[in-house]
Amino acid sequence: MRAMIVAAGLGTRLRPLSELRPKPALPVRGIPLVAYQLALLASHGVSEVVINAHHLPDRLIAAARRYRPPGVELRFSVEPELLGTGGGIRRVAPFLRESDPCLILGGDMLVDADLGALVERHRTRGDALTLLLRRDSRSAEFGTIGLDREGRLRRIGGRFDLGSETQAGLYTWVNVVAARAFDTLPDRECFGHFDHWIGPRLASGAADIRGEVWSREQCTWEPVGTLREYLAVNLSRCPLGYFDADALARRDGTRFEPDLVIGAGASLEPGARLRRAVVWDGETVPAGLHASDGVFAGGAFHPCSGKAR
């Protein structure tokens, strides 16, 4: 099976950290975020993965290659100009459609779900697209996708609504896509996958685009899109059934202390005191720095909540 990790965004909500490294290459508990998606896909039998890139592409490519699971072949689609989520998918559609179905994942979250079961349900129904949704108390913050009684998409956030909704869930950015779905991609370079591909298909009467609403027990999902979210996933270990990231990070030299993650090769000079913080690999925290609730990266402390003092 083939898959795509959508990873070409600028990560504006993660600035200034994303100015140092692209968002999918930011270390989460000592391991680049993209390594988690690669491990998830590999654990479900995916053998070929394409990753699109735009901002600081060399750093993302290096991180993905370093943490490539055995038996997984990587390809990269470097976008000189951002193409949007839909345009990025369209650019690699010839590769993806050779796998029927394929998987398309977002590159800015931690997720653990039985992708094999999701694919099987998609195949059994013969759908064009299946989106994994989650029952989540944060739905008001992130928005939801609405389904009818048969699981067909009827609403996308607050911008598209066909009515007849009976259930809804938070979009996890996990998608199963049949080869024929790529036939309806719009003939344009830059576009969004919801507004210009899925939405118009629904408006034209498509009945083969569905969602699966899974419980918190069935689907672990933690976003890594803002500074606050980034700090949270680093300090609160997210248990994943397919990947012992902490063990791998420790072998690489990452240290875990109460409310503190210290990357490989990083050090704190005498008198430096950090609380609820992350220190990136190779950094040296200067003597006398007292700070909390943030990240030391690029030679400086960046508050994620609260203030340095």
C-alpha atoms as a PDB file:
ATOM      1  CA  MET A   1       0.000   0.000   0.000  1.00  0.00           C
ATOM      2  CA  ARG A   2       1.061   3.573  -0.714  1.00  0.00           C
ATOM      3  CA  ALA A   3       0.511   6.664   1.397  1.00  0.00           C
ATOM      4  CA  MET A   4       1.112  10.399   1.477  1.00  0.00           C
ATOM      5  CA  ILE A   5       2.068  12.601   4.405  1.00  0.00           C
ATOM      6  CA  VAL A   6       0.887  16.164   3.768  1.00  0.00           C
ATOM      7  CA  ALA A   7       3.752  18.203   5.202  1.00  0.00           C
ATOM      8  CA  ALA A   8       4.335  21.277   3.038  1.00  0.00           C
ATOM      9  CA  GLY A   9       2.699  23.937   5.215  1.00  0.00           C
ATOM     10  CA  LEU A  10       4.554  26.919   6.642  1.00  0.00           C
ATOM     11  CA  GLY A  11       3.595  26.185  10.264  1.00  0.00           C
ATOM     12  CA  THR A  12       2.837  29.850  10.948  1.00  0.00           C
ATOM     13  CA  ARG A  13       1.188  29.134  14.309  1.00  0.00           C
ATOM     14  CA  LEU A  14       4.406  27.480  15.469  1.00  0.00           C
ATOM     15  CA  ARG A  15       6.643  30.439  14.775  1.00  0.00           C
ATOM     16  CA  PRO A  16       9.387  31.120  15.740  1.00  0.00           C
ATOM     17  CA  LEU A  17      10.113  27.368  16.113  1.00  0.00           C
ATOM     18  CA  SER A  18       8.985  26.644  12.557  1.00  0.00           C
ATOM     19  CA  GLU A  19      11.405  29.275  11.271  1.00  0.00           C
ATOM     20  CA  LEU A  20      14.220  27.049  12.556  1.00  0.00           C
ATOM     21  CA  ARG A  21      12.866  23.709  11.300  1.00  0.00           C
ATOM     22  CA  PRO A  22       9.801  22.754   9.259  1.00  0.00           C
ATOM     23  CA  LYS A  23       6.914  21.697  11.449  1.00  0.00           C
ATOM     24  CA  PRO A  24       7.080  17.958  10.596  1.00  0.00           C
ATOM     25  CA  ALA A  25      10.771  17.957  11.569  1.00  0.00           C
ATOM     26  CA  LEU A  26      10.243  19.540  15.001  1.00  0.00           C
ATOM     27  CA  PRO A  27      11.353  17.147  17.744  1.00  0.00           C
ATOM     28  CA  VAL A  28       8.551  15.638  19.810  1.00  0.00           C
ATOM     29  CA  ARG A  29      10.114  14.023  22.864  1.00  0.00           C
ATOM     30  CA  GLY A  30      13.416  13.935  21.004  1.00  0.00           C
ATOM     31  CA  ILE A  31      12.092  12.404  17.751  1.00  0.00           C
ATOM     32  CA  PRO A  32      11.010  14.382  14.649  1.00  0.00           C
ATOM     33  CA  LEU A  33       7.256  14.528  14.258  1.00  0.00           C
ATOM     34  CA  VAL A  34       7.417  12.942  10.796  1.00  0.00           C
ATOM     35  CA  ALA A  35       8.954   9.814  12.342  1.00  0.00           C
ATOM     36  CA  TYR A  36       5.681   9.135  14.164  1.00  0.00           C
ATOM     37  CA  GLN A  37       3.605   9.188  10.971  1.00  0.00           C
ATOM     38  CA  LEU A  38       6.145   6.973   9.198  1.00  0.00           C
ATOM     39  CA  ALA A  39       6.084   4.464  12.056  1.00  0.00           C
ATOM     40  CA  LEU A  40       2.264   4.411  12.066  1.00  0.00           C
ATOM     41  CA  LEU A  41       2.097   3.757   8.335  1.00  0.00           C
ATOM     42  CA  ALA A  42       4.791   1.086   8.454  1.00  0.00           C
ATOM     43  CA  SER A  43       2.981  -0.714  11.275  1.00  0.00           C
ATOM     44  CA  HIS A  44      -0.027  -1.097   8.960  1.00  0.00           C
ATOM     45  CA  GLY A  45       1.874  -2.491   6.020  1.00  0.00           C
ATOM     46  CA  VAL A  46       2.487   0.675   4.012  1.00  0.00           C
ATOM     47  CA  SER A  47       5.646   0.177   1.970  1.00  0.00           C
ATOM     48  CA  GLU A  48       5.827   3.360  -0.141  1.00  0.00           C
ATOM     49  CA  VAL A  49       5.347   6.885   1.194  1.00  0.00           C
ATOM     50  CA  VAL A  50       5.493  10.249  -0.527  1.00  0.00           C
ATOM     51  CA  ILE A  51       5.976  13.395   1.557  1.00  0.00           C
ATOM     52  CA  ASN A  52       5.413  16.850   0.128  1.00  0.00           C
ATOM     53  CA  ALA A  53       7.664  19.661   1.315  1.00  0.00           C
ATOM     54  CA  HIS A  54       8.073  23.389   0.799  1.00  0.00           C
ATOM     55  CA  HIS A  55       9.528  25.267   3.779  1.00  0.00           C
ATOM     56  CA  LEU A  56      13.132  24.220   4.592  1.00  0.00           C
ATOM     57  CA  PRO A  57      12.657  21.024   2.560  1.00  0.00           C
ATOM     58  CA  ASP A  58      16.189  19.698   3.053  1.00  0.00           C
ATOM     59  CA  ARG A  59      15.670  19.504   6.807  1.00  0.00           C
ATOM     60  CA  LEU A  60      12.407  17.631   6.466  1.00  0.00           C
ATOM     61  CA  ILE A  61      13.902  15.222   3.935  1.00  0.00           C
ATOM     62  CA  ALA A  62      16.894  14.544   6.186  1.00  0.00           C
ATOM     63  CA  ALA A  63      14.657  13.863   9.204  1.00  0.00           C
ATOM     64  CA  ALA A  64      12.409  11.491   7.244  1.00  0.00           C
ATOM     65  CA  ARG A  65      15.345   9.585   5.797  1.00  0.00           C
ATOM     66  CA  ARG A  66      17.013   9.213   9.167  1.00  0.00           C
ATOM     67  CA  TYR A  67      13.895   7.732  10.748  1.00  0.00           C
ATOM     68  CA  ARG A  68      12.647   5.768   7.747  1.00  0.00           C
ATOM     69  CA  PRO A  69      11.267   2.433   8.993  1.00  0.00           C
ATOM     70  CA  PRO A  70      12.870  -0.674   7.487  1.00  0.00           C
ATOM     71  CA  GLY A  71      11.149  -1.768   4.302  1.00  0.00           C
ATOM     72  CA  VAL A  72       9.582   1.632   3.597  1.00  0.00           C
ATOM     73  CA  GLU A  73      10.514   3.453   0.405  1.00  0.00           C
ATOM     74  CA  LEU A  74      10.401   7.247   0.574  1.00  0.00           C
ATOM     75  CA  ARG A  75       9.673   9.774  -2.147  1.00  0.00           C
ATOM     76  CA  PHE A  76       9.501  13.539  -1.865  1.00  0.00           C
ATOM     77  CA  SER A  77       7.483  16.143  -3.709  1.00  0.00           C
ATOM     78  CA  VAL A  78       9.178  19.502  -3.184  1.00  0.00           C
ATOM     79  CA  GLU A  79       6.866  22.399  -3.995  1.00  0.00           C
ATOM     80  CA  PRO A  80       8.747  25.599  -5.002  1.00  0.00           C
ATOM     81  CA  GLU A  81       5.430  27.398  -4.509  1.00  0.00           C
ATOM     82  CA  LEU A  82       2.833  26.192  -2.026  1.00  0.00           C
ATOM     83  CA  LEU A  83       0.078  24.288  -3.802  1.00  0.00           C
ATOM     84  CA  GLY A  84      -2.396  23.956  -0.939  1.00  0.00           C
ATOM     85  CA  THR A  85      -3.583  20.659   0.487  1.00  0.00           C
ATOM     86  CA  GLY A  86      -5.441  19.697  -2.682  1.00  0.00           C
ATOM     87  CA  GLY A  87      -2.758  20.893  -5.065  1.00  0.00           C
ATOM     88  CA  GLY A  88      -0.138  18.940  -3.157  1.00  0.00           C
ATOM     89  CA  ILE A  89      -2.242  15.788  -3.457  1.00  0.00           C
ATOM     90  CA  ARG A  90      -2.889  16.398  -7.169  1.00  0.00           C
ATOM     91  CA  ARG A  91       0.851  16.699  -7.845  1.00  0.00           C
ATOM     92  CA  VAL A  92       1.490  13.150  -6.571  1.00  0.00           C
ATOM     93  CA  ALA A  93      -1.826  11.598  -7.664  1.00  0.00           C
ATOM     94  CA  PRO A  94      -0.194   9.446 -10.394  1.00  0.00           C
ATOM     95  CA  PHE A  95       1.901   7.802  -7.668  1.00  0.00           C
ATOM     96  CA  LEU A  96      -0.968   7.402  -5.191  1.00  0.00           C
ATOM     97  CA  ARG A  97      -3.524   5.997  -7.613  1.00  0.00           C
ATOM     98  CA  GLU A  98      -1.327   2.963  -8.237  1.00  0.00           C
ATOM     99  CA  SER A  99      -2.432   1.850  -4.763  1.00  0.00           C
ATOM    100  CA  ASP A 100      -6.161   1.203  -4.526  1.00  0.00           C
ATOM    101  CA  PRO A 101      -6.853   2.422  -1.952  1.00  0.00           C
ATOM    102  CA  CYS A 102      -4.110   4.641  -0.562  1.00  0.00           C
ATOM    103  CA  LEU A 103      -3.791   6.567   2.701  1.00  0.00           C
ATOM    104  CA  ILE A 104      -3.350  10.332   3.067  1.00  0.00           C
ATOM    105  CA  LEU A 105      -2.293  11.671   6.478  1.00  0.00           C
ATOM    106  CA  GLY A 106      -1.673  15.136   7.810  1.00  0.00           C
ATOM    107  CA  GLY A 107       1.794  15.920   9.083  1.00  0.00           C
ATOM    108  CA  ASP A 108       0.983  17.876  12.235  1.00  0.00           C
ATOM    109  CA  MET A 109      -0.496  15.463  14.744  1.00  0.00           C
ATOM    110  CA  LEU A 110       0.120  12.306  16.746  1.00  0.00           C
ATOM    111  CA  VAL A 111      -2.418   9.634  15.937  1.00  0.00           C
ATOM    112  CA  ASP A 112      -2.925   5.984  16.797  1.00  0.00           C
ATOM    113  CA  ALA A 113      -5.765   4.088  15.170  1.00  0.00           C
ATOM    114  CA  ASP A 114      -6.379   0.772  13.470  1.00  0.00           C
ATOM    115  CA  LEU A 115      -5.815   1.901   9.902  1.00  0.00           C
ATOM    116  CA  GLY A 116      -6.240  -1.667   8.685  1.00  0.00           C
ATOM    117  CA  ALA A 117      -9.797  -1.750  10.017  1.00  0.00           C
ATOM    118  CA  LEU A 118     -10.502   1.656   8.485  1.00  0.00           C
ATOM    119  CA  VAL A 119      -9.243   0.499   5.084  1.00  0.00           C
ATOM    120  CA  GLU A 120     -11.285  -2.699   5.295  1.00  0.00           C
ATOM    121  CA  ARG A 121     -14.507  -0.803   6.025  1.00  0.00           C
ATOM    122  CA  HIS A 122     -13.722   1.550   3.134  1.00  0.00           C
ATOM    123  CA  ARG A 123     -13.210  -1.386   0.764  1.00  0.00           C
ATOM    124  CA  THR A 124     -16.332  -3.220   1.932  1.00  0.00           C
ATOM    125  CA  ARG A 125     -18.511  -0.199   1.175  1.00  0.00           C
ATOM    126  CA  GLY A 126     -16.750   0.561  -2.089  1.00  0.00           C
ATOM    127  CA  ASP A 127     -16.412   4.247  -1.239  1.00  0.00           C
ATOM    128  CA  ALA A 128     -14.284   6.843  -2.993  1.00  0.00           C
ATOM    129  CA  LEU A 129     -13.090   8.515   0.209  1.00  0.00           C
ATOM    130  CA  THR A 130     -13.331   7.623   3.880  1.00  0.00           C
ATOM    131  CA  LEU A 131     -12.378  10.205   6.514  1.00  0.00           C
ATOM    132  CA  LEU A 132     -11.516   9.210  10.070  1.00  0.00           C
ATOM    133  CA  LEU A 133     -13.336  11.377  12.611  1.00  0.00           C
ATOM    134  CA  ARG A 134     -13.151  11.323  16.408  1.00  0.00           C
ATOM    135  CA  ARG A 135     -15.563  12.034  19.237  1.00  0.00           C
ATOM    136  CA  ASP A 136     -13.670  14.710  21.104  1.00  0.00           C
ATOM    137  CA  SER A 137     -14.421  17.350  23.721  1.00  0.00           C
ATOM    138  CA  ARG A 138     -12.255  19.783  21.709  1.00  0.00           C
ATOM    139  CA  SER A 139     -14.587  19.677  18.717  1.00  0.00           C
ATOM    140  CA  ALA A 140     -15.751  23.259  19.285  1.00  0.00           C
ATOM    141  CA  GLU A 141     -12.121  24.411  19.104  1.00  0.00           C
ATOM    142  CA  PHE A 142     -11.160  22.474  15.985  1.00  0.00           C
ATOM    143  CA  GLY A 143     -14.479  22.208  14.164  1.00  0.00           C
ATOM    144  CA  THR A 144     -16.301  19.092  13.031  1.00  0.00           C
ATOM    145  CA  ILE A 145     -17.488  17.215   9.974  1.00  0.00           C
ATOM    146  CA  GLY A 146     -21.126  16.126   9.914  1.00  0.00           C
ATOM    147  CA  LEU A 147     -22.480  12.822   8.602  1.00  0.00           C
ATOM    148  CA  ASP A 148     -25.916  11.439   7.887  1.00  0.00           C
ATOM    149  CA  ARG A 149     -27.303   8.174   9.245  1.00  0.00           C
ATOM    150  CA  GLU A 150     -25.400   6.149   6.619  1.00  0.00           C
ATOM    151  CA  GLY A 151     -22.115   7.896   7.368  1.00  0.00           C
ATOM    152  CA  ARG A 152     -22.117  10.045   4.223  1.00  0.00           C
ATOM    153  CA  LEU A 153     -20.506  13.495   4.509  1.00  0.00           C
ATOM    154  CA  ARG A 154     -23.084  16.283   4.767  1.00  0.00           C
ATOM    155  CA  ARG A 155     -21.254  19.144   6.464  1.00  0.00           C
ATOM    156  CA  ILE A 156     -17.687  20.473   6.448  1.00  0.00           C
ATOM    157  CA  GLY A 157     -17.105  22.816   9.376  1.00  0.00           C
ATOM    158  CA  GLY A 158     -19.193  25.956   9.116  1.00  0.00           C
ATOM    159  CA  ARG A 159     -18.667  26.568   5.402  1.00  0.00           C
ATOM    160  CA  PHE A 160     -20.522  23.716   3.692  1.00  0.00           C
ATOM    161  CA  ASP A 161     -23.783  22.115   4.794  1.00  0.00           C
ATOM    162  CA  LEU A 162     -26.187  19.893   2.850  1.00  0.00           C
ATOM    163  CA  GLY A 163     -28.389  19.091   5.849  1.00  0.00           C
ATOM    164  CA  SER A 164     -29.592  15.682   7.103  1.00  0.00           C
ATOM    165  CA  GLU A 165     -26.759  15.487   9.657  1.00  0.00           C
ATOM    166  CA  THR A 166     -27.193  12.951  12.466  1.00  0.00           C
ATOM    167  CA  GLN A 167     -23.644  12.652  13.825  1.00  0.00           C
ATOM    168  CA  ALA A 168     -20.359  14.534  13.752  1.00  0.00           C
ATOM    169  CA  GLY A 169     -16.726  14.214  14.702  1.00  0.00           C
ATOM    170  CA  LEU A 170     -13.403  16.023  14.741  1.00  0.00           C
ATOM    171  CA  TYR A 171     -11.366  15.563  11.554  1.00  0.00           C
ATOM    172  CA  THR A 172      -8.149  13.675  12.311  1.00  0.00           C
ATOM    173  CA  TRP A 173      -6.545  14.272   8.884  1.00  0.00           C
ATOM    174  CA  VAL A 174      -6.541  10.511   8.232  1.00  0.00           C
ATOM    175  CA  ASN A 175      -8.082   9.605   4.861  1.00  0.00           C
ATOM    176  CA  VAL A 176      -8.543   6.428   2.824  1.00  0.00           C
ATOM    177  CA  VAL A 177      -8.766   7.269  -0.872  1.00  0.00           C
ATOM    178  CA  ALA A 178      -9.814   5.021  -3.755  1.00  0.00           C
ATOM    179  CA  ALA A 179      -7.964   5.366  -7.050  1.00  0.00           C
ATOM    180  CA  ARG A 180     -11.068   6.602  -8.861  1.00  0.00           C
ATOM    181  CA  ALA A 181     -11.371   9.571  -6.491  1.00  0.00           C
ATOM    182  CA  PHE A 182      -8.368  11.184  -8.156  1.00  0.00           C
ATOM    183  CA  ASP A 183     -10.331  11.341 -11.430  1.00  0.00           C
ATOM    184  CA  THR A 184     -12.344  14.225  -9.986  1.00  0.00           C
ATOM    185  CA  LEU A 185      -9.441  16.400  -8.848  1.00  0.00           C
ATOM    186  CA  PRO A 186      -9.886  19.903 -10.282  1.00  0.00           C
ATOM    187  CA  ASP A 187      -7.677  20.909 -13.190  1.00  0.00           C
ATOM    188  CA  ARG A 188      -5.752  23.608 -11.335  1.00  0.00           C
ATOM    189  CA  GLU A 189      -2.408  23.888  -9.607  1.00  0.00           C
ATOM    190  CA  CYS A 190      -3.250  25.342  -6.194  1.00  0.00           C
ATOM    191  CA  PHE A 191      -6.373  24.480  -4.191  1.00  0.00           C
ATOM    192  CA  GLY A 192      -7.711  23.095  -0.914  1.00  0.00           C
ATOM    193  CA  HIS A 193      -8.850  19.503  -0.717  1.00  0.00           C
ATOM    194  CA  PHE A 194     -12.106  20.334   1.083  1.00  0.00           C
ATOM    195  CA  ASP A 195     -13.191  23.536  -0.658  1.00  0.00           C
ATOM    196  CA  HIS A 196     -12.305  22.583  -4.216  1.00  0.00           C
ATOM    197  CA  TRP A 197     -12.379  18.778  -4.337  1.00  0.00           C
ATOM    198  CA  ILE A 198     -14.481  17.085  -1.667  1.00  0.00           C
ATOM    199  CA  GLY A 199     -17.032  19.895  -1.249  1.00  0.00           C
ATOM    200  CA  PRO A 200     -17.868  20.184  -4.966  1.00  0.00           C
ATOM    201  CA  ARG A 201     -18.168  16.385  -5.258  1.00  0.00           C
ATOM    202  CA  LEU A 202     -20.685  16.383  -2.414  1.00  0.00           C
ATOM    203  CA  ALA A 203     -22.575  19.305  -3.932  1.00  0.00           C
ATOM    204  CA  SER A 204     -22.877  17.399  -7.208  1.00  0.00           C
ATOM    205  CA  GLY A 205     -24.564  14.518  -5.395  1.00  0.00           C
ATOM    206  CA  ALA A 206     -21.704  12.110  -4.668  1.00  0.00           C
ATOM    207  CA  ALA A 207     -22.816   9.451  -2.167  1.00  0.00           C
ATOM    208  CA  ASP A 208     -19.500   7.606  -1.865  1.00  0.00           C
ATOM    209  CA  ILE A 209     -17.688   9.996   0.490  1.00  0.00           C
ATOM    210  CA  ARG A 210     -18.088   8.844   4.068  1.00  0.00           C
ATOM    211  CA  GLY A 211     -16.722   9.349   7.533  1.00  0.00           C
ATOM    212  CA  GLU A 212     -16.080   6.975  10.419  1.00  0.00           C
ATOM    213  CA  VAL A 213     -16.665   8.472  13.872  1.00  0.00           C
ATOM    214  CA  TRP A 214     -14.454   6.644  16.360  1.00  0.00           C
ATOM    215  CA  SER A 215     -14.272   6.979  20.116  1.00  0.00           C
ATOM    216  CA  ARG A 216     -11.301   8.187  22.131  1.00  0.00           C
ATOM    217  CA  GLU A 217     -10.556   4.556  22.958  1.00  0.00           C
ATOM    218  CA  GLN A 218     -10.449   3.665  19.261  1.00  0.00           C
ATOM    219  CA  CYS A 219      -8.415   6.665  18.137  1.00  0.00           C
ATOM    220  CA  THR A 220      -5.667   8.571  19.911  1.00  0.00           C
ATOM    221  CA  TRP A 221      -5.227  12.054  18.440  1.00  0.00           C
ATOM    222  CA  GLU A 222      -3.123  14.967  19.641  1.00  0.00           C
ATOM    223  CA  PRO A 223      -2.543  18.051  17.495  1.00  0.00           C
ATOM    224  CA  VAL A 224       0.895  19.656  17.127  1.00  0.00           C
ATOM    225  CA  GLY A 225      -0.119  22.869  15.399  1.00  0.00           C
ATOM    226  CA  THR A 226       0.506  25.643  17.935  1.00  0.00           C
ATOM    227  CA  LEU A 227       3.205  26.489  20.455  1.00  0.00           C
ATOM    228  CA  ARG A 228       0.947  25.480  23.330  1.00  0.00           C
ATOM    229  CA  GLU A 229       0.096  22.155  21.680  1.00  0.00           C
ATOM    230  CA  TYR A 230       3.738  21.518  20.888  1.00  0.00           C
ATOM    231  CA  LEU A 231       4.778  21.991  24.510  1.00  0.00           C
ATOM    232  CA  ALA A 232       1.892  19.815  25.719  1.00  0.00           C
ATOM    233  CA  VAL A 233       2.735  16.796  23.548  1.00  0.00           C
ATOM    234  CA  ASN A 234       6.360  17.002  24.633  1.00  0.00           C
ATOM    235  CA  LEU A 235       5.584  17.114  28.356  1.00  0.00           C
ATOM    236  CA  SER A 236       2.647  14.701  28.448  1.00  0.00           C
ATOM    237  CA  ARG A 237       3.672  11.392  26.957  1.00  0.00           C
ATOM    238  CA  CYS A 238       1.129  10.212  24.416  1.00  0.00           C
ATOM    239  CA  PRO A 239       1.046   6.392  24.537  1.00  0.00           C
ATOM    240  CA  LEU A 240       1.180   4.889  21.057  1.00  0.00           C
ATOM    241  CA  GLY A 241       0.763   1.195  20.393  1.00  0.00           C
ATOM    242  CA  TYR A 242       3.008   1.156  17.332  1.00  0.00           C
ATOM    243  CA  PHE A 243       6.020   3.209  18.433  1.00  0.00           C
ATOM    244  CA  ASP A 244       8.098   3.505  21.622  1.00  0.00           C
ATOM    245  CA  ALA A 245       9.459   6.934  20.798  1.00  0.00           C
ATOM    246  CA  ASP A 246      10.912   7.493  24.272  1.00  0.00           C
ATOM    247  CA  ALA A 247      13.057   4.373  24.087  1.00  0.00           C
ATOM    248  CA  LEU A 248      14.367   5.400  20.678  1.00  0.00           C
ATOM    249  CA  ALA A 249      15.029   8.937  21.860  1.00  0.00           C
ATOM    250  CA  ARG A 250      16.942   7.702  24.905  1.00  0.00           C
ATOM    251  CA  ARG A 251      19.158   5.581  22.667  1.00  0.00           C
ATOM    252  CA  ASP A 252      19.875   8.711  20.645  1.00  0.00           C
ATOM    253  CA  GLY A 253      20.800  10.606  23.808  1.00  0.00           C
ATOM    254  CA  THR A 254      17.613  12.439  24.809  1.00  0.00           C
ATOM    255  CA  ARG A 255      17.082  12.827  28.564  1.00  0.00           C
ATOM    256  CA  PHE A 256      13.710  12.983  30.284  1.00  0.00           C
ATOM    257  CA  GLU A 257      13.402  14.733  33.623  1.00  0.00           C
ATOM    258  CA  PRO A 258      10.269  15.814  35.496  1.00  0.00           C
ATOM    259  CA  ASP A 259       8.679  18.510  33.294  1.00  0.00           C
ATOM    260  CA  LEU A 260      11.801  18.709  31.135  1.00  0.00           C
ATOM    261  CA  VAL A 261      12.917  17.152  27.847  1.00  0.00           C
ATOM    262  CA  ILE A 262      16.609  17.628  27.000  1.00  0.00           C
ATOM    263  CA  GLY A 263      17.532  16.692  23.451  1.00  0.00           C
ATOM    264  CA  ALA A 264      20.569  14.668  22.413  1.00  0.00           C
ATOM    265  CA  GLY A 265      23.800  16.582  22.888  1.00  0.00           C
ATOM    266  CA  ALA A 266      22.084  19.448  24.713  1.00  0.00           C
ATOM    267  CA  SER A 267      23.267  20.783  28.067  1.00  0.00           C
ATOM    268  CA  LEU A 268      22.406  23.268  30.793  1.00  0.00           C
ATOM    269  CA  GLU A 269      25.243  25.430  32.077  1.00  0.00           C
ATOM    270  CA  PRO A 270      25.648  25.921  35.849  1.00  0.00           C
ATOM    271  CA  GLY A 271      22.835  27.958  37.360  1.00  0.00           C
ATOM    272  CA  ALA A 272      20.422  27.473  34.459  1.00  0.00           C
ATOM    273  CA  ARG A 273      16.984  26.430  35.651  1.00  0.00           C
ATOM    274  CA  LEU A 274      14.136  25.376  33.379  1.00  0.00           C
ATOM    275  CA  ARG A 275      10.654  24.137  34.269  1.00  0.00           C
ATOM    276  CA  ARG A 276       8.041  22.710  31.940  1.00  0.00           C
ATOM    277  CA  ALA A 277      10.396  23.117  29.039  1.00  0.00           C
ATOM    278  CA  VAL A 278      11.955  21.450  26.018  1.00  0.00           C
ATOM    279  CA  VAL A 279      15.597  21.856  25.009  1.00  0.00           C
ATOM    280  CA  TRP A 280      16.326  20.955  21.418  1.00  0.00           C
ATOM    281  CA  ASP A 281      19.194  18.670  20.495  1.00  0.00           C
ATOM    282  CA  GLY A 282      22.631  20.244  20.436  1.00  0.00           C
ATOM    283  CA  GLU A 283      21.596  23.381  22.341  1.00  0.00           C
ATOM    284  CA  THR A 284      23.441  24.908  25.294  1.00  0.00           C
ATOM    285  CA  VAL A 285      21.264  26.714  27.839  1.00  0.00           C
ATOM    286  CA  PRO A 286      23.362  29.594  29.220  1.00  0.00           C
ATOM    287  CA  ALA A 287      24.257  29.962  32.873  1.00  0.00           C
ATOM    288  CA  GLY A 288      21.749  31.897  34.936  1.00  0.00           C
ATOM    289  CA  LEU A 289      18.760  31.504  32.626  1.00  0.00           C
ATOM    290  CA  HIS A 290      15.582  30.866  34.615  1.00  0.00           C
ATOM    291  CA  ALA A 291      12.566  30.131  32.452  1.00  0.00           C
ATOM    292  CA  SER A 292       9.434  28.037  32.292  1.00  0.00           C
ATOM    293  CA  ASP A 293       6.760  26.880  29.856  1.00  0.00           C
ATOM    294  CA  GLY A 294       8.671  27.084  26.626  1.00  0.00           C
ATOM    295  CA  VAL A 295      11.312  25.773  24.273  1.00  0.00           C
ATOM    296  CA  PHE A 296      15.024  26.521  24.121  1.00  0.00           C
ATOM    297  CA  ALA A 297      15.962  26.364  20.447  1.00  0.00           C
ATOM    298  CA  GLY A 298      18.222  28.304  18.122  1.00  0.00           C
ATOM    299  CA  GLY A 299      20.150  29.717  21.067  1.00  0.00           C
ATOM    300  CA  ALA A 300      17.130  31.374  22.685  1.00  0.00           C
ATOM    301  CA  PHE A 301      14.189  30.579  24.947  1.00  0.00           C
ATOM    302  CA  HIS A 302      10.800  30.791  23.284  1.00  0.00           C
ATOM    303  CA  PRO A 303       7.793  30.958  25.637  1.00  0.00           C
ATOM    304  CA  CYS A 304       4.895  28.743  24.684  1.00  0.00           C
ATOM    305  CA  SER A 305       2.717  29.813  27.629  1.00  0.00           C
ATOM    306  CA  GLY A 306       3.798  31.910  30.519  1.00  0.00           C
ATOM    307  CA  LYS A 307       6.944  34.015  30.359  1.00  0.00           C
ATOM    308  CA  ALA A 308      10.690  33.629  30.714  1.00  0.00           C
ATOM    309  CA  ARG A 309      12.222  35.570  33.600  1.00  0.00           C
END
